C-alpha atoms as a PDB file:
ATOM      1  CA  MET A   1     131.676  90.766 130.040  1.00  0.00           C
ATOM      2  CA  ARG A   2     133.431  93.428 128.089  1.00  0.00           C
ATOM      3  CA  SER A   3     132.126  94.608 124.685  1.00  0.00           C
ATOM      4  CA  THR A   4     134.526  94.849 121.820  1.00  0.00           C
ATOM      5  CA  PRO A   5     134.102  97.437 119.075  1.00  0.00           C
ATOM      6  CA  SER A   6     133.258  94.705 116.563  1.00  0.00           C
ATOM      7  CA  SER A   7     130.510  93.210 118.775  1.00  0.00           C
ATOM      8  CA  VAL A   8     128.951  96.654 119.284  1.00  0.00           C
ATOM      9  CA  LEU A   9     129.086  97.291 115.533  1.00  0.00           C
ATOM     10  CA  THR A  10     127.515  93.893 114.828  1.00  0.00           C
ATOM     11  CA  LEU A  11     124.701  94.652 117.273  1.00  0.00           C
ATOM     12  CA  LEU A  12     124.067  98.066 115.690  1.00  0.00           C
ATOM     13  CA  VAL A  13     124.035  96.683 112.137  1.00  0.00           C
ATOM     14  CA  THR A  14     121.736  93.811 113.129  1.00  0.00           C
ATOM     15  CA  SER A  15     119.347  96.211 114.866  1.00  0.00           C
ATOM     16  CA  ALA A  16     119.306  98.570 111.883  1.00  0.00           C
ATOM     17  CA  LEU A  17     118.612  95.731 109.446  1.00  0.00           C
ATOM     18  CA  THR A  18     115.826  94.359 111.638  1.00  0.00           C
ATOM     19  CA  LEU A  19     114.160  97.758 111.844  1.00  0.00           C
ATOM     20  CA  GLY A  20     114.620  98.308 108.107  1.00  0.00           C
ATOM     21  CA  VAL A  21     112.958  95.011 107.207  1.00  0.00           C
ATOM     22  CA  ALA A  22     110.106  95.651 109.630  1.00  0.00           C
ATOM     23  CA  ALA A  23     109.547  99.100 108.126  1.00  0.00           C
ATOM     24  CA  CYS A  24     109.218  97.635 104.614  1.00  0.00           C
ATOM     25  CA  LYS A  25     106.221  95.482 105.460  1.00  0.00           C
ATOM     26  CA  PRO A  26     102.928  97.057 104.366  1.00  0.00           C
ATOM     27  CA  VAL A  27     100.832  98.320 107.224  1.00  0.00           C
ATOM     28  CA  PRO A  28      97.102  97.883 106.688  1.00  0.00           C
ATOM     29  CA  ALA A  29      95.432 101.278 106.585  1.00  0.00           C
ATOM     30  CA  MET A  30      92.720 101.848 109.100  1.00  0.00           C
ATOM     31  CA  PRO A  31      89.708 103.445 107.467  1.00  0.00           C
ATOM     32  CA  PRO A  32      88.793 106.922 108.622  1.00  0.00           C
ATOM     33  CA  PRO A  33      85.518 107.349 110.492  1.00  0.00           C
ATOM     34  CA  ARG A  34      82.640 106.632 108.103  1.00  0.00           C
ATOM     35  CA  PRO A  35      80.746 109.852 107.295  1.00  0.00           C
ATOM     36  CA  ALA A  36      76.970 109.659 107.722  1.00  0.00           C
ATOM     37  CA  SER A  37      76.521 110.118 103.954  1.00  0.00           C
ATOM     38  CA  VAL A  38      78.497 106.932 103.146  1.00  0.00           C
ATOM     39  CA  PRO A  39      76.336 103.771 103.047  1.00  0.00           C
ATOM     40  CA  ALA A  40      77.230 100.907 105.373  1.00  0.00           C
ATOM     41  CA  ALA A  41      77.879  98.690 102.322  1.00  0.00           C
ATOM     42  CA  ALA A  42      80.671 100.965 101.055  1.00  0.00           C
ATOM     43  CA  VAL A  43      84.194  99.650 101.635  1.00  0.00           C
ATOM     44  CA  TRP A  44      87.286 101.742 102.376  1.00  0.00           C
ATOM     45  CA  ALA A  45      90.069 101.437  99.800  1.00  0.00           C
ATOM     46  CA  GLY A  46      93.188 103.427 100.459  1.00  0.00           C
ATOM     47  CA  GLY A  47      96.241 103.944 102.523  1.00  0.00           C
ATOM     48  CA  PRO A  48      97.667 106.315 105.098  1.00  0.00           C
ATOM     49  CA  ASP A  49      97.783 109.117 102.510  1.00  0.00           C
ATOM     50  CA  GLY A  50      94.075 108.898 101.641  1.00  0.00           C
ATOM     51  CA  GLY A  51      91.605 106.816  99.745  1.00  0.00           C
ATOM     52  CA  ALA A  52      87.955 106.427  98.892  1.00  0.00           C
ATOM     53  CA  TRP A  53      84.820 104.642 100.009  1.00  0.00           C
ATOM     54  CA  ILE A  54      83.585 102.331  97.227  1.00  0.00           C
ATOM     55  CA  GLN A  55      80.205 100.691  96.818  1.00  0.00           C
ATOM     56  CA  CYS A  56      79.492  98.498  93.786  1.00  0.00           C
ATOM     57  CA  THR A  57      76.453  96.349  93.092  1.00  0.00           C
ATOM     58  CA  PRO A  58      76.130  93.850  90.226  1.00  0.00           C
ATOM     59  CA  ALA A  59      74.119  95.092  87.230  1.00  0.00           C
ATOM     60  CA  ALA A  60      73.864  92.573  84.368  1.00  0.00           C
ATOM     61  CA  ARG A  61      77.513  91.957  83.387  1.00  0.00           C
ATOM     62  CA  ASP A  62      78.658  95.262  84.893  1.00  0.00           C
ATOM     63  CA  PHE A  63      78.636  96.967  88.275  1.00  0.00           C
ATOM     64  CA  ASP A  64      76.867 100.133  89.359  1.00  0.00           C
ATOM     65  CA  CYS A  65      79.419 101.898  91.536  1.00  0.00           C
ATOM     66  CA  THR A  66      79.467 104.973  93.701  1.00  0.00           C
ATOM     67  CA  ILE A  67      82.818 106.252  94.908  1.00  0.00           C
ATOM     68  CA  PHE A  68      82.921 108.658  97.837  1.00  0.00           C
ATOM     69  CA  HIS A  69      85.728 110.955  98.961  1.00  0.00           C
ATOM     70  CA  ASP A  70      86.947 110.275 102.492  1.00  0.00           C
ATOM     71  CA  SER A  71      84.839 113.320 103.477  1.00  0.00           C
ATOM     72  CA  GLY A  72      81.680 111.503 102.354  1.00  0.00           C
ATOM     73  CA  ASP A  73      81.020 113.609  99.246  1.00  0.00           C
ATOM     74  CA  VAL A  74      80.286 111.654  96.061  1.00  0.00           C
ATOM     75  CA  TRP A  75      83.399 111.529  93.893  1.00  0.00           C
ATOM     76  CA  THR A  76      81.800 109.729  90.965  1.00  0.00           C
ATOM     77  CA  LYS A  77      78.910 107.438  90.189  1.00  0.00           C
ATOM     78  CA  GLY A  78      78.473 105.172  87.190  1.00  0.00           C
ATOM     79  CA  ARG A  79      78.679 101.783  85.573  1.00  0.00           C
ATOM     80  CA  PHE A  80      81.969  99.893  85.627  1.00  0.00           C
ATOM     81  CA  ARG A  81      83.068  96.704  83.875  1.00  0.00           C
ATOM     82  CA  ALA A  82      85.551  94.120  85.175  1.00  0.00           C
ATOM     83  CA  GLU A  83      88.840  93.848  83.264  1.00  0.00           C
ATOM     84  CA  PRO A  84      89.438  91.038  82.613  1.00  0.00           C
ATOM     85  CA  ALA A  85      85.827  89.920  82.577  1.00  0.00           C
ATOM     86  CA  SER A  86      86.709  86.940  84.808  1.00  0.00           C
ATOM     87  CA  ALA A  87      87.104  89.375  87.724  1.00  0.00           C
ATOM     88  CA  ALA A  88      83.328  89.819  87.772  1.00  0.00           C
ATOM     89  CA  GLY A  89      82.772  86.301  89.099  1.00  0.00           C
ATOM     90  CA  LYS A  90      85.111  86.777  92.035  1.00  0.00           C
ATOM     91  CA  GLY A  91      84.410  88.690  95.206  1.00  0.00           C
ATOM     92  CA  LEU A  92      85.429  92.296  94.664  1.00  0.00           C
ATOM     93  CA  GLN A  93      88.174  93.367  97.043  1.00  0.00           C
ATOM     94  CA  TYR A  94      89.035  96.999  96.436  1.00  0.00           C
ATOM     95  CA  ASN A  95      92.562  98.338  96.594  1.00  0.00           C
ATOM     96  CA  ALA A  96      92.208 101.929  95.370  1.00  0.00           C
ATOM     97  CA  TYR A  97      90.421 104.373  93.104  1.00  0.00           C
ATOM     98  CA  ASP A  98      92.675 106.595  90.986  1.00  0.00           C
ATOM     99  CA  GLY A  99      90.052 108.967  89.640  1.00  0.00           C
ATOM    100  CA  GLU A 100      89.267 106.713  86.679  1.00  0.00           C
ATOM    101  CA  LEU A 101      89.780 103.027  87.525  1.00  0.00           C
ATOM    102  CA  ILE A 102      88.852 100.962  90.556  1.00  0.00           C
ATOM    103  CA  HIS A 103      91.880  98.794  91.305  1.00  0.00           C
ATOM    104  CA  LEU A 104      91.264  95.421  92.936  1.00  0.00           C
ATOM    105  CA  LEU A 105      93.610  93.665  95.352  1.00  0.00           C
ATOM    106  CA  ASN A 106      94.203  90.835  92.865  1.00  0.00           C
ATOM    107  CA  GLY A 107      95.630  93.286  90.287  1.00  0.00           C
ATOM    108  CA  GLU A 108      92.508  93.382  88.140  1.00  0.00           C
ATOM    109  CA  GLN A 109      90.396  96.499  87.768  1.00  0.00           C
ATOM    110  CA  LEU A 110      86.952  97.889  87.164  1.00  0.00           C
ATOM    111  CA  VAL A 111      86.922 100.299  84.221  1.00  0.00           C
ATOM    112  CA  PRO A 112      84.190 102.734  83.227  1.00  0.00           C
ATOM    113  CA  ALA A 113      81.710 100.879  81.008  1.00  0.00           C
ATOM    114  CA  SER A 114      81.197 102.580  77.665  1.00  0.00           C
ATOM    115  CA  GLY A 115      77.651 103.222  76.622  1.00  0.00           C
ATOM    116  CA  GLY A 116      76.313 103.194  80.227  1.00  0.00           C
END
């Protein structure tokens, strides 16, 4: 069977579109090796360009959180509050830490609690 220029072009365009769509899908980031200084309860939140290990435990209506750099050094430690407050009753699934806020996968966040 002989290929025509239009069939070759169609094949190339189809292949390019297929690869383009596949490349747009988010790829789950594999956590880096857990440093010895990071507790087993801490969860990796980040992507291929970096992230943080996050550990939060309930404390009254807030959460006591420790955020670790990927190296294992403590980035910050303190009390955070769910925004909106309804996020506190749900399981916390971390997406990222931006240096101030802990972003959750559902779009809600943990913000530094004022007054400790």
